[in-house]
């Protein structure tokens, strides 16, 4: 699922993460966050780099020289990254690119489209999305429960748990496992009942 954020006033898509250097000529293996890499990683495509402030790449953009699939792995070459040492300096960088406002991908939303949506379970509003957190494994919807209190609920943004996103209706439908939005009742022996969950 493609994720989005606003960087310096621009709508940007998070489209990939550089995971390791590949070979001796500056190639990098790529973890994809887009359903359409052949369109995103065309020669000349420019990306904003999300790297630590101490990185020599901080605040810089990088331009694709070549994209290919090698042994089943997506691999990308960038301009001015010509050897393994230069590639190593980019490992773990996250790639962002500008997105056209009228451009959409299946199952892709802007963060600002998700924030503020009601979270609905069994036709009942159980909370509201307050932000989206982007982790390497998956994205999380951070939900403020309707019951009040200061605790936030982290909902994995995967189809099994969030099967429907209806921006026009202002809501997301969730089918969370037992205990995600409520305390599980205690059984007679004092342990939390599983309600059939494994």
N, C-alpha and C. Protein backbone atom coordinates (compact mmCIF):
# COMPACT_ATOMS: atom_id res chain seq x y z
N UNK A 1 0.85 -1.18 0.00
CA UNK A 1 0.00 0.00 0.00
C UNK A 1 0.89 1.24 0.00
N UNK A 2 0.62 2.15 -0.88
CA UNK A 2 1.42 3.36 -0.98
C UNK A 2 1.01 4.32 0.12
N UNK A 3 1.98 4.99 0.68
CA UNK A 3 1.72 5.93 1.75
C UNK A 3 2.11 7.32 1.29
N UNK A 4 1.58 8.32 1.94
CA UNK A 4 1.77 9.70 1.52
C UNK A 4 2.01 10.59 2.72
N UNK A 5 2.69 11.67 2.49
CA UNK A 5 2.84 12.69 3.52
C UNK A 5 3.06 14.01 2.81
N UNK A 6 3.07 15.09 3.59
CA UNK A 6 3.38 16.39 3.02
C UNK A 6 4.78 16.78 3.46
N UNK A 7 5.65 17.05 2.49
CA UNK A 7 7.00 17.48 2.78
C UNK A 7 7.17 18.85 2.17
N UNK A 8 7.46 19.84 2.99
CA UNK A 8 7.67 21.21 2.53
C UNK A 8 6.52 21.68 1.64
N UNK A 9 5.29 21.36 2.04
CA UNK A 9 4.12 21.84 1.33
C UNK A 9 3.73 21.03 0.12
N UNK A 10 4.50 19.98 -0.18
CA UNK A 10 4.20 19.18 -1.37
C UNK A 10 3.58 17.86 -0.94
N UNK A 11 2.65 17.35 -1.75
CA UNK A 11 2.16 16.00 -1.53
C UNK A 11 3.20 15.04 -2.08
N UNK A 12 3.65 14.13 -1.24
CA UNK A 12 4.66 13.18 -1.68
C UNK A 12 4.24 11.77 -1.32
N UNK A 13 4.62 10.83 -2.18
CA UNK A 13 4.38 9.41 -1.96
C UNK A 13 5.66 8.75 -1.46
N UNK A 14 5.52 7.90 -0.47
CA UNK A 14 6.64 7.06 -0.04
C UNK A 14 6.60 5.83 -0.94
N UNK A 15 7.60 5.65 -1.79
CA UNK A 15 7.52 4.60 -2.80
C UNK A 15 8.52 3.47 -2.61
N UNK A 16 9.50 3.64 -1.73
CA UNK A 16 10.44 2.55 -1.55
C UNK A 16 11.46 2.83 -0.47
N UNK A 17 12.20 1.77 -0.13
CA UNK A 17 13.29 1.88 0.85
C UNK A 17 14.48 1.11 0.30
N UNK A 18 15.66 1.68 0.40
CA UNK A 18 16.88 1.05 -0.09
C UNK A 18 17.40 0.12 1.00
N UNK A 19 17.48 -1.18 0.69
CA UNK A 19 17.76 -2.15 1.76
C UNK A 19 19.20 -2.64 1.80
N UNK A 20 19.90 -2.71 0.66
CA UNK A 20 21.30 -3.13 0.69
C UNK A 20 21.96 -2.86 -0.65
N UNK A 21 23.27 -2.66 -0.59
CA UNK A 21 24.05 -2.50 -1.82
C UNK A 21 24.06 -3.82 -2.58
N UNK A 22 24.12 -3.72 -3.92
CA UNK A 22 24.08 -4.91 -4.76
C UNK A 22 25.18 -4.79 -5.81
N UNK A 23 26.17 -5.66 -5.70
CA UNK A 23 27.26 -5.62 -6.67
C UNK A 23 28.22 -4.47 -6.40
N UNK A 24 29.05 -4.18 -7.41
CA UNK A 24 30.14 -3.22 -7.23
C UNK A 24 29.91 -1.91 -7.98
N UNK A 25 28.82 -1.80 -8.73
CA UNK A 25 28.63 -0.64 -9.61
C UNK A 25 27.57 0.34 -9.11
N UNK A 26 27.28 0.32 -7.80
CA UNK A 26 26.38 1.32 -7.23
C UNK A 26 24.93 0.93 -7.17
N UNK A 27 24.60 -0.32 -7.53
CA UNK A 27 23.20 -0.74 -7.50
C UNK A 27 22.74 -0.95 -6.06
N UNK A 28 21.43 -0.78 -5.84
CA UNK A 28 20.84 -1.01 -4.52
C UNK A 28 19.59 -1.85 -4.66
N UNK A 29 19.44 -2.84 -3.78
CA UNK A 29 18.19 -3.58 -3.71
C UNK A 29 17.14 -2.69 -3.08
N UNK A 30 15.91 -2.88 -3.52
CA UNK A 30 14.84 -1.95 -3.20
C UNK A 30 13.66 -2.69 -2.58
N UNK A 31 13.16 -2.18 -1.47
CA UNK A 31 11.88 -2.65 -0.92
C UNK A 31 10.81 -1.70 -1.42
N UNK A 32 9.84 -2.25 -2.17
CA UNK A 32 8.86 -1.41 -2.85
C UNK A 32 7.65 -1.12 -1.97
N UNK A 33 7.20 0.14 -1.99
CA UNK A 33 5.96 0.54 -1.34
C UNK A 33 4.96 1.03 -2.39
N UNK A 34 5.12 0.62 -3.62
CA UNK A 34 4.24 1.03 -4.71
C UNK A 34 3.83 -0.18 -5.52
N UNK A 35 2.63 -0.12 -6.07
CA UNK A 35 2.14 -1.20 -6.92
C UNK A 35 2.63 -1.06 -8.36
N UNK A 36 3.31 0.03 -8.68
CA UNK A 36 3.65 0.33 -10.06
C UNK A 36 5.10 0.79 -10.19
N UNK A 37 6.06 -0.08 -9.84
CA UNK A 37 7.46 0.36 -9.84
C UNK A 37 7.97 0.75 -11.21
N UNK A 38 7.50 0.08 -12.28
CA UNK A 38 7.98 0.40 -13.62
C UNK A 38 7.64 1.83 -14.01
N UNK A 39 6.56 2.34 -13.45
CA UNK A 39 6.16 3.73 -13.73
C UNK A 39 6.92 4.71 -12.83
N UNK A 40 7.15 4.31 -11.58
CA UNK A 40 7.80 5.22 -10.63
C UNK A 40 9.29 5.36 -10.89
N UNK A 41 9.96 4.24 -11.19
CA UNK A 41 11.42 4.22 -11.24
C UNK A 41 11.93 4.29 -12.68
N UNK A 42 11.41 5.24 -13.44
CA UNK A 42 11.87 5.44 -14.80
C UNK A 42 13.14 6.29 -14.78
N UNK A 43 14.02 6.14 -15.77
CA UNK A 43 15.22 6.99 -15.82
C UNK A 43 14.83 8.47 -15.78
N UNK A 44 15.51 9.21 -14.90
CA UNK A 44 15.22 10.63 -14.74
C UNK A 44 14.27 10.95 -13.61
N UNK A 45 13.60 9.94 -13.05
CA UNK A 45 12.69 10.17 -11.92
C UNK A 45 13.50 10.62 -10.71
N UNK A 46 13.02 11.66 -10.03
CA UNK A 46 13.74 12.22 -8.88
C UNK A 46 13.02 11.88 -7.59
N UNK A 47 13.79 11.57 -6.57
CA UNK A 47 13.24 11.22 -5.26
C UNK A 47 13.85 12.09 -4.17
N UNK A 48 13.03 12.46 -3.20
CA UNK A 48 13.52 13.08 -1.98
C UNK A 48 13.95 11.96 -1.04
N UNK A 49 15.10 12.13 -0.39
CA UNK A 49 15.62 11.09 0.50
C UNK A 49 15.25 11.38 1.95
N UNK A 50 14.73 10.36 2.62
CA UNK A 50 14.52 10.45 4.07
C UNK A 50 15.65 9.68 4.72
N UNK A 51 16.60 10.44 5.28
CA UNK A 51 17.78 9.85 5.91
C UNK A 51 18.06 10.62 7.20
N UNK A 52 18.89 10.07 8.10
CA UNK A 52 19.26 10.81 9.31
C UNK A 52 19.96 12.12 8.96
N UNK A 53 19.85 13.10 9.85
CA UNK A 53 20.47 14.40 9.59
C UNK A 53 21.98 14.30 9.43
N UNK A 54 22.58 13.31 10.05
CA UNK A 54 24.04 13.16 9.96
C UNK A 54 24.48 12.59 8.61
N UNK A 55 23.56 12.08 7.82
CA UNK A 55 23.90 11.48 6.53
C UNK A 55 24.34 12.55 5.54
N UNK A 56 25.35 12.25 4.71
CA UNK A 56 25.74 13.20 3.66
C UNK A 56 24.64 13.41 2.63
N UNK A 57 23.64 12.54 2.62
CA UNK A 57 22.53 12.65 1.67
C UNK A 57 21.37 13.47 2.23
N UNK A 58 21.47 13.92 3.48
CA UNK A 58 20.35 14.64 4.09
C UNK A 58 20.01 15.90 3.31
N UNK A 59 18.72 16.08 3.01
CA UNK A 59 18.26 17.27 2.31
C UNK A 59 18.47 17.22 0.80
N UNK A 60 18.93 16.09 0.29
CA UNK A 60 19.22 15.99 -1.14
C UNK A 60 18.17 15.15 -1.86
N UNK A 61 18.12 15.36 -3.17
CA UNK A 61 17.33 14.51 -4.05
C UNK A 61 18.26 13.59 -4.81
N UNK A 62 17.70 12.51 -5.34
CA UNK A 62 18.49 11.55 -6.09
C UNK A 62 17.70 11.17 -7.34
N UNK A 63 18.41 10.89 -8.43
CA UNK A 63 17.76 10.68 -9.72
C UNK A 63 18.05 9.26 -10.23
N UNK A 64 17.02 8.58 -10.70
CA UNK A 64 17.16 7.21 -11.20
C UNK A 64 17.92 7.19 -12.53
N UNK A 65 18.90 6.29 -12.59
CA UNK A 65 19.60 6.04 -13.86
C UNK A 65 19.02 4.81 -14.55
N UNK A 66 18.71 3.77 -13.74
CA UNK A 66 18.18 2.53 -14.32
C UNK A 66 17.45 1.74 -13.23
N UNK A 67 16.39 1.05 -13.65
CA UNK A 67 15.66 0.16 -12.75
C UNK A 67 15.54 -1.18 -13.44
N UNK A 68 15.78 -2.26 -12.71
CA UNK A 68 15.61 -3.59 -13.30
C UNK A 68 15.29 -4.59 -12.19
N UNK A 69 14.82 -5.76 -12.59
CA UNK A 69 14.58 -6.86 -11.65
C UNK A 69 15.66 -7.90 -11.90
N UNK A 70 16.42 -8.23 -10.84
CA UNK A 70 17.52 -9.18 -10.94
C UNK A 70 17.29 -10.31 -9.94
N UNK A 71 17.21 -11.53 -10.45
CA UNK A 71 16.95 -12.70 -9.60
C UNK A 71 15.71 -12.51 -8.74
N UNK A 72 14.69 -11.86 -9.32
CA UNK A 72 13.42 -11.66 -8.62
C UNK A 72 13.42 -10.46 -7.68
N UNK A 73 14.54 -9.75 -7.58
CA UNK A 73 14.62 -8.60 -6.67
C UNK A 73 14.67 -7.29 -7.46
N UNK A 74 13.86 -6.28 -7.05
CA UNK A 74 13.97 -4.98 -7.69
C UNK A 74 15.29 -4.31 -7.31
N UNK A 75 15.99 -3.80 -8.32
CA UNK A 75 17.29 -3.17 -8.13
C UNK A 75 17.27 -1.84 -8.86
N UNK A 76 17.85 -0.81 -8.23
CA UNK A 76 17.85 0.52 -8.83
C UNK A 76 19.28 1.08 -8.84
N UNK A 77 19.59 1.80 -9.93
CA UNK A 77 20.85 2.53 -10.06
C UNK A 77 20.51 4.02 -10.07
N UNK A 78 21.32 4.83 -9.41
CA UNK A 78 21.09 6.27 -9.36
C UNK A 78 22.26 7.02 -9.99
N UNK A 79 21.96 8.21 -10.51
CA UNK A 79 23.02 9.08 -11.02
C UNK A 79 23.96 9.45 -9.87
N UNK A 80 25.26 9.51 -10.16
CA UNK A 80 26.30 9.89 -9.20
C UNK A 80 26.47 8.89 -8.06
N UNK A 81 25.91 7.68 -8.22
CA UNK A 81 26.17 6.59 -7.27
C UNK A 81 26.80 5.48 -8.11
N UNK A 82 28.15 5.49 -8.15
CA UNK A 82 28.85 4.68 -9.15
C UNK A 82 29.59 3.48 -8.59
N UNK A 83 29.64 3.35 -7.25
CA UNK A 83 30.36 2.22 -6.69
C UNK A 83 29.66 1.74 -5.42
N UNK A 84 30.17 0.64 -4.90
CA UNK A 84 29.52 0.03 -3.74
C UNK A 84 29.57 0.94 -2.50
N UNK A 85 30.67 1.67 -2.32
CA UNK A 85 30.77 2.55 -1.15
C UNK A 85 29.68 3.62 -1.17
N UNK A 86 29.45 4.21 -2.34
CA UNK A 86 28.40 5.22 -2.45
C UNK A 86 27.03 4.59 -2.19
N UNK A 87 26.83 3.38 -2.71
CA UNK A 87 25.55 2.69 -2.50
C UNK A 87 25.35 2.39 -1.01
N UNK A 88 26.42 1.95 -0.33
CA UNK A 88 26.32 1.63 1.10
C UNK A 88 25.86 2.85 1.91
N UNK A 89 26.25 4.04 1.48
CA UNK A 89 25.87 5.25 2.22
C UNK A 89 24.39 5.57 2.11
N UNK A 90 23.69 4.87 1.20
CA UNK A 90 22.26 5.11 1.00
C UNK A 90 21.38 4.02 1.62
N UNK A 91 22.00 2.98 2.16
CA UNK A 91 21.21 1.88 2.73
C UNK A 91 20.30 2.40 3.84
N UNK A 92 19.06 1.96 3.82
CA UNK A 92 17.98 2.31 4.75
C UNK A 92 17.32 3.65 4.44
N UNK A 93 17.78 4.34 3.40
CA UNK A 93 17.11 5.58 3.00
C UNK A 93 15.71 5.26 2.47
N UNK A 94 14.74 6.11 2.80
CA UNK A 94 13.39 5.97 2.29
C UNK A 94 13.20 6.97 1.15
N UNK A 95 12.58 6.52 0.07
CA UNK A 95 12.42 7.33 -1.13
C UNK A 95 11.02 7.91 -1.20
N UNK A 96 10.94 9.23 -1.40
CA UNK A 96 9.67 9.92 -1.57
C UNK A 96 9.68 10.62 -2.92
N UNK A 97 8.51 10.72 -3.55
CA UNK A 97 8.43 11.45 -4.80
C UNK A 97 7.15 12.26 -4.86
N UNK A 98 7.20 13.36 -5.60
CA UNK A 98 6.01 14.20 -5.77
C UNK A 98 4.92 13.42 -6.48
N UNK A 99 3.69 13.66 -6.07
CA UNK A 99 2.55 13.01 -6.70
C UNK A 99 1.62 14.05 -7.28
N UNK A 100 1.13 13.78 -8.48
CA UNK A 100 0.11 14.65 -9.06
C UNK A 100 -1.17 14.50 -8.24
N UNK A 101 -1.86 15.62 -8.02
CA UNK A 101 -3.08 15.59 -7.20
C UNK A 101 -4.16 14.69 -7.80
N UNK A 102 -4.19 14.59 -9.15
CA UNK A 102 -5.24 13.79 -9.78
C UNK A 102 -4.84 12.34 -9.99
N UNK A 103 -3.66 11.98 -9.47
CA UNK A 103 -3.16 10.63 -9.66
C UNK A 103 -3.59 9.75 -8.49
N UNK A 104 -4.04 8.56 -8.80
CA UNK A 104 -4.42 7.62 -7.74
C UNK A 104 -3.90 6.23 -8.08
N UNK A 105 -3.73 5.42 -7.07
CA UNK A 105 -3.43 4.01 -7.24
C UNK A 105 -4.46 3.23 -6.45
N UNK A 106 -4.70 1.99 -6.85
CA UNK A 106 -5.63 1.17 -6.10
C UNK A 106 -5.13 1.01 -4.67
N UNK A 107 -6.07 1.10 -3.73
CA UNK A 107 -5.73 0.92 -2.31
C UNK A 107 -4.62 1.85 -1.86
N UNK A 108 -4.65 3.09 -2.33
CA UNK A 108 -3.66 4.08 -1.91
C UNK A 108 -4.37 5.36 -1.53
N UNK A 109 -3.97 5.93 -0.38
CA UNK A 109 -4.59 7.15 0.10
C UNK A 109 -3.53 8.08 0.63
N UNK A 110 -3.82 9.37 0.56
CA UNK A 110 -2.99 10.35 1.23
C UNK A 110 -3.22 10.22 2.73
N UNK A 111 -2.17 10.51 3.53
CA UNK A 111 -2.35 10.53 4.98
C UNK A 111 -3.47 11.50 5.36
N UNK A 112 -3.46 12.69 4.73
CA UNK A 112 -4.45 13.69 5.12
C UNK A 112 -5.87 13.27 4.73
N UNK A 113 -6.02 12.29 3.83
CA UNK A 113 -7.35 11.76 3.54
C UNK A 113 -7.82 10.83 4.64
N UNK A 114 -6.89 10.18 5.32
CA UNK A 114 -7.24 9.20 6.35
C UNK A 114 -7.44 9.85 7.73
N UNK A 115 -6.63 10.86 8.02
CA UNK A 115 -6.73 11.52 9.33
C UNK A 115 -8.08 12.21 9.45
N UNK A 116 -8.77 11.94 10.57
CA UNK A 116 -10.09 12.53 10.81
C UNK A 116 -11.24 11.61 10.45
N UNK A 117 -10.96 10.49 9.76
CA UNK A 117 -12.05 9.57 9.41
C UNK A 117 -12.53 8.84 10.66
N UNK A 118 -13.86 8.62 10.71
CA UNK A 118 -14.43 7.79 11.77
C UNK A 118 -14.01 6.34 11.56
N UNK A 119 -13.76 5.65 12.65
CA UNK A 119 -13.43 4.23 12.61
C UNK A 119 -14.68 3.47 13.06
N UNK A 120 -15.21 2.63 12.18
CA UNK A 120 -16.51 2.00 12.39
C UNK A 120 -16.35 0.48 12.46
N UNK A 121 -16.92 -0.10 13.52
CA UNK A 121 -16.96 -1.55 13.66
C UNK A 121 -18.40 -1.96 13.93
N UNK A 122 -18.93 -2.88 13.14
CA UNK A 122 -20.31 -3.34 13.31
C UNK A 122 -21.29 -2.18 13.35
N UNK A 123 -21.11 -1.22 12.43
CA UNK A 123 -21.99 -0.04 12.29
C UNK A 123 -21.91 0.91 13.49
N UNK A 124 -20.92 0.74 14.36
CA UNK A 124 -20.75 1.62 15.51
C UNK A 124 -19.41 2.34 15.40
N UNK A 125 -19.42 3.66 15.60
CA UNK A 125 -18.18 4.42 15.59
C UNK A 125 -17.41 4.13 16.87
N UNK A 126 -16.20 3.58 16.72
CA UNK A 126 -15.40 3.22 17.89
C UNK A 126 -14.22 4.17 18.09
N UNK A 127 -14.01 5.09 17.14
CA UNK A 127 -12.91 6.02 17.29
C UNK A 127 -12.72 6.86 16.05
N UNK A 128 -11.60 7.59 16.04
CA UNK A 128 -11.29 8.46 14.90
C UNK A 128 -9.79 8.38 14.62
N UNK A 129 -9.42 8.34 13.34
CA UNK A 129 -8.01 8.30 12.96
C UNK A 129 -7.37 9.66 13.27
N UNK A 130 -6.29 9.64 14.08
CA UNK A 130 -5.61 10.90 14.42
C UNK A 130 -4.29 11.07 13.67
N UNK A 131 -3.69 9.96 13.23
CA UNK A 131 -2.49 10.06 12.40
C UNK A 131 -2.19 8.69 11.81
N UNK A 132 -1.23 8.68 10.88
CA UNK A 132 -0.77 7.44 10.27
C UNK A 132 0.72 7.32 10.54
N UNK A 133 1.14 6.15 11.01
CA UNK A 133 2.57 5.92 11.23
C UNK A 133 3.06 4.92 10.20
N UNK A 134 4.22 5.23 9.60
CA UNK A 134 4.78 4.40 8.55
C UNK A 134 5.95 3.61 9.12
N UNK A 135 5.78 2.31 9.22
CA UNK A 135 6.84 1.44 9.70
C UNK A 135 7.34 0.59 8.53
N UNK A 136 8.55 0.05 8.62
CA UNK A 136 9.06 -0.75 7.50
C UNK A 136 8.16 -1.94 7.15
N UNK A 137 7.59 -2.59 8.16
CA UNK A 137 6.78 -3.78 7.88
C UNK A 137 5.39 -3.43 7.36
N UNK A 138 4.78 -2.39 7.91
CA UNK A 138 3.42 -2.02 7.52
C UNK A 138 3.11 -0.64 8.08
N UNK A 139 2.01 -0.07 7.59
CA UNK A 139 1.55 1.21 8.12
C UNK A 139 0.55 0.95 9.25
N UNK A 140 0.45 1.90 10.18
CA UNK A 140 -0.49 1.80 11.29
C UNK A 140 -1.41 3.02 11.28
N UNK A 141 -2.71 2.77 11.48
CA UNK A 141 -3.64 3.85 11.75
C UNK A 141 -3.65 4.06 13.26
N UNK A 142 -3.38 5.27 13.70
CA UNK A 142 -3.41 5.57 15.13
C UNK A 142 -4.79 6.17 15.41
N UNK A 143 -5.54 5.49 16.27
CA UNK A 143 -6.95 5.81 16.47
C UNK A 143 -7.19 6.28 17.90
N UNK A 144 -7.91 7.38 18.03
CA UNK A 144 -8.35 7.87 19.34
C UNK A 144 -9.72 7.24 19.60
N UNK A 145 -9.85 6.37 20.60
CA UNK A 145 -11.13 5.70 20.85
C UNK A 145 -12.23 6.67 21.25
N UNK A 146 -13.46 6.34 20.89
CA UNK A 146 -14.61 7.18 21.23
C UNK A 146 -14.90 7.18 22.72
N UNK A 147 -14.39 6.18 23.43
CA UNK A 147 -14.68 6.06 24.86
C UNK A 147 -13.95 7.09 25.69
N UNK A 148 -13.07 7.88 25.06
CA UNK A 148 -12.33 8.89 25.82
C UNK A 148 -11.04 8.33 26.36
N UNK A 149 -10.45 9.04 27.29
CA UNK A 149 -9.17 8.61 27.82
C UNK A 149 -8.04 9.07 26.92
N UNK A 150 -6.82 8.80 27.36
CA UNK A 150 -5.65 9.27 26.61
C UNK A 150 -5.02 8.19 25.76
N UNK A 151 -5.42 6.94 25.95
CA UNK A 151 -4.80 5.85 25.21
C UNK A 151 -5.20 5.90 23.74
N UNK A 152 -4.23 5.64 22.87
CA UNK A 152 -4.48 5.52 21.45
C UNK A 152 -4.37 4.05 21.06
N UNK A 153 -5.11 3.68 20.02
CA UNK A 153 -5.10 2.30 19.55
C UNK A 153 -4.36 2.25 18.22
N UNK A 154 -3.39 1.33 18.12
CA UNK A 154 -2.65 1.16 16.87
C UNK A 154 -3.31 0.05 16.05
N UNK A 155 -3.82 0.42 14.89
CA UNK A 155 -4.53 -0.53 14.03
C UNK A 155 -3.67 -0.81 12.80
N UNK A 156 -3.21 -2.05 12.61
CA UNK A 156 -2.45 -2.37 11.41
C UNK A 156 -3.28 -2.06 10.16
N UNK A 157 -2.69 -1.28 9.25
CA UNK A 157 -3.41 -0.85 8.05
C UNK A 157 -3.25 -1.91 6.97
N UNK A 158 -3.91 -3.06 7.23
CA UNK A 158 -3.91 -4.18 6.29
C UNK A 158 -5.35 -4.54 5.99
N UNK A 159 -5.56 -5.13 4.82
CA UNK A 159 -6.93 -5.36 4.35
C UNK A 159 -7.72 -6.28 5.27
N UNK A 160 -7.04 -7.22 5.94
CA UNK A 160 -7.74 -8.15 6.81
C UNK A 160 -8.39 -7.44 8.01
N UNK A 161 -7.78 -6.32 8.44
CA UNK A 161 -8.28 -5.59 9.61
C UNK A 161 -9.01 -4.32 9.20
N UNK A 162 -8.59 -3.71 8.09
CA UNK A 162 -9.25 -2.49 7.57
C UNK A 162 -9.71 -2.80 6.14
N UNK A 163 -10.83 -3.53 6.00
CA UNK A 163 -11.25 -3.95 4.67
C UNK A 163 -11.81 -2.84 3.79
N UNK A 164 -12.28 -1.75 4.41
CA UNK A 164 -12.93 -0.70 3.63
C UNK A 164 -12.46 0.68 4.08
N UNK A 165 -12.03 1.48 3.11
CA UNK A 165 -11.75 2.89 3.34
C UNK A 165 -12.70 3.67 2.44
N UNK A 166 -13.57 4.46 3.06
CA UNK A 166 -14.56 5.24 2.31
C UNK A 166 -14.37 6.71 2.65
N UNK A 167 -13.46 7.35 1.90
CA UNK A 167 -13.13 8.74 2.19
C UNK A 167 -14.35 9.63 2.00
N UNK A 168 -15.14 9.34 0.95
CA UNK A 168 -16.32 10.17 0.67
C UNK A 168 -17.31 10.13 1.83
N UNK A 169 -17.45 8.97 2.45
CA UNK A 169 -18.38 8.82 3.58
C UNK A 169 -17.73 9.21 4.90
N UNK A 170 -16.42 9.47 4.87
CA UNK A 170 -15.73 9.91 6.09
C UNK A 170 -15.49 8.80 7.09
N UNK A 171 -15.25 7.59 6.60
CA UNK A 171 -15.07 6.50 7.57
C UNK A 171 -14.21 5.37 7.01
N UNK A 172 -13.64 4.62 7.93
CA UNK A 172 -12.99 3.36 7.61
C UNK A 172 -13.72 2.28 8.39
N UNK A 173 -13.89 1.14 7.75
CA UNK A 173 -14.52 -0.01 8.41
C UNK A 173 -13.42 -0.91 8.92
N UNK A 174 -13.51 -1.31 10.18
CA UNK A 174 -12.50 -2.20 10.76
C UNK A 174 -13.14 -3.49 11.24
N UNK A 175 -12.36 -4.56 11.16
CA UNK A 175 -12.75 -5.86 11.71
C UNK A 175 -11.60 -6.33 12.60
N UNK A 176 -11.40 -5.63 13.73
CA UNK A 176 -10.23 -5.91 14.56
C UNK A 176 -10.37 -7.20 15.35
N UNK A 177 -9.25 -7.79 15.76
CA UNK A 177 -9.32 -8.93 16.66
C UNK A 177 -9.85 -8.51 18.01
N UNK A 178 -10.38 -9.47 18.74
CA UNK A 178 -10.92 -9.18 20.07
C UNK A 178 -9.86 -8.56 20.94
N UNK A 179 -10.25 -7.52 21.69
CA UNK A 179 -9.34 -6.89 22.63
C UNK A 179 -8.63 -5.66 22.09
N UNK A 180 -8.74 -5.39 20.78
CA UNK A 180 -8.03 -4.24 20.23
C UNK A 180 -8.67 -2.92 20.69
N UNK A 181 -10.00 -2.88 20.76
CA UNK A 181 -10.69 -1.66 21.15
C UNK A 181 -11.36 -1.74 22.51
N UNK A 182 -11.25 -2.91 23.18
CA UNK A 182 -11.89 -3.03 24.48
C UNK A 182 -11.11 -4.01 25.33
N UNK A 183 -11.27 -3.87 26.63
CA UNK A 183 -10.68 -4.85 27.54
C UNK A 183 -11.43 -6.16 27.39
N UNK A 184 -10.68 -7.25 27.33
CA UNK A 184 -11.33 -8.56 27.26
C UNK A 184 -11.89 -8.90 28.64
N UNK A 185 -13.09 -9.48 28.67
CA UNK A 185 -13.65 -9.87 29.98
C UNK A 185 -12.79 -10.93 30.63
N UNK A 186 -12.74 -10.88 31.96
CA UNK A 186 -11.94 -11.88 32.67
C UNK A 186 -12.77 -13.13 32.90
N UNK A 187 -12.12 -14.28 32.73
CA UNK A 187 -12.81 -15.55 33.00
C UNK A 187 -12.74 -15.84 34.50
N UNK A 188 -13.35 -16.94 34.91
CA UNK A 188 -13.45 -17.24 36.34
C UNK A 188 -12.09 -17.47 36.97
N UNK A 189 -11.10 -17.92 36.18
CA UNK A 189 -9.78 -18.17 36.79
C UNK A 189 -8.91 -16.91 36.79
N UNK A 190 -9.51 -15.75 36.38
CA UNK A 190 -8.80 -14.48 36.49
C UNK A 190 -8.01 -14.10 35.26
N UNK A 191 -8.00 -14.96 34.23
CA UNK A 191 -7.28 -14.61 33.01
C UNK A 191 -8.26 -14.05 31.99
N UNK A 192 -7.75 -13.24 31.08
CA UNK A 192 -8.61 -12.64 30.07
C UNK A 192 -9.12 -13.69 29.13
N UNK A 193 -10.43 -13.67 28.87
CA UNK A 193 -11.01 -14.61 27.91
C UNK A 193 -10.55 -14.25 26.52
N UNK A 194 -10.45 -15.25 25.65
CA UNK A 194 -9.95 -14.99 24.30
C UNK A 194 -11.06 -14.67 23.33
N UNK A 195 -12.31 -14.88 23.71
CA UNK A 195 -13.44 -14.69 22.80
C UNK A 195 -13.23 -15.45 21.49
N UNK A 196 -12.56 -16.58 21.60
CA UNK A 196 -12.36 -17.41 20.41
C UNK A 196 -11.14 -17.04 19.62
N UNK A 197 -10.43 -15.95 20.02
CA UNK A 197 -9.22 -15.57 19.29
C UNK A 197 -8.10 -16.50 19.69
N UNK A 198 -7.20 -16.76 18.74
CA UNK A 198 -6.08 -17.64 19.03
C UNK A 198 -4.93 -16.88 19.64
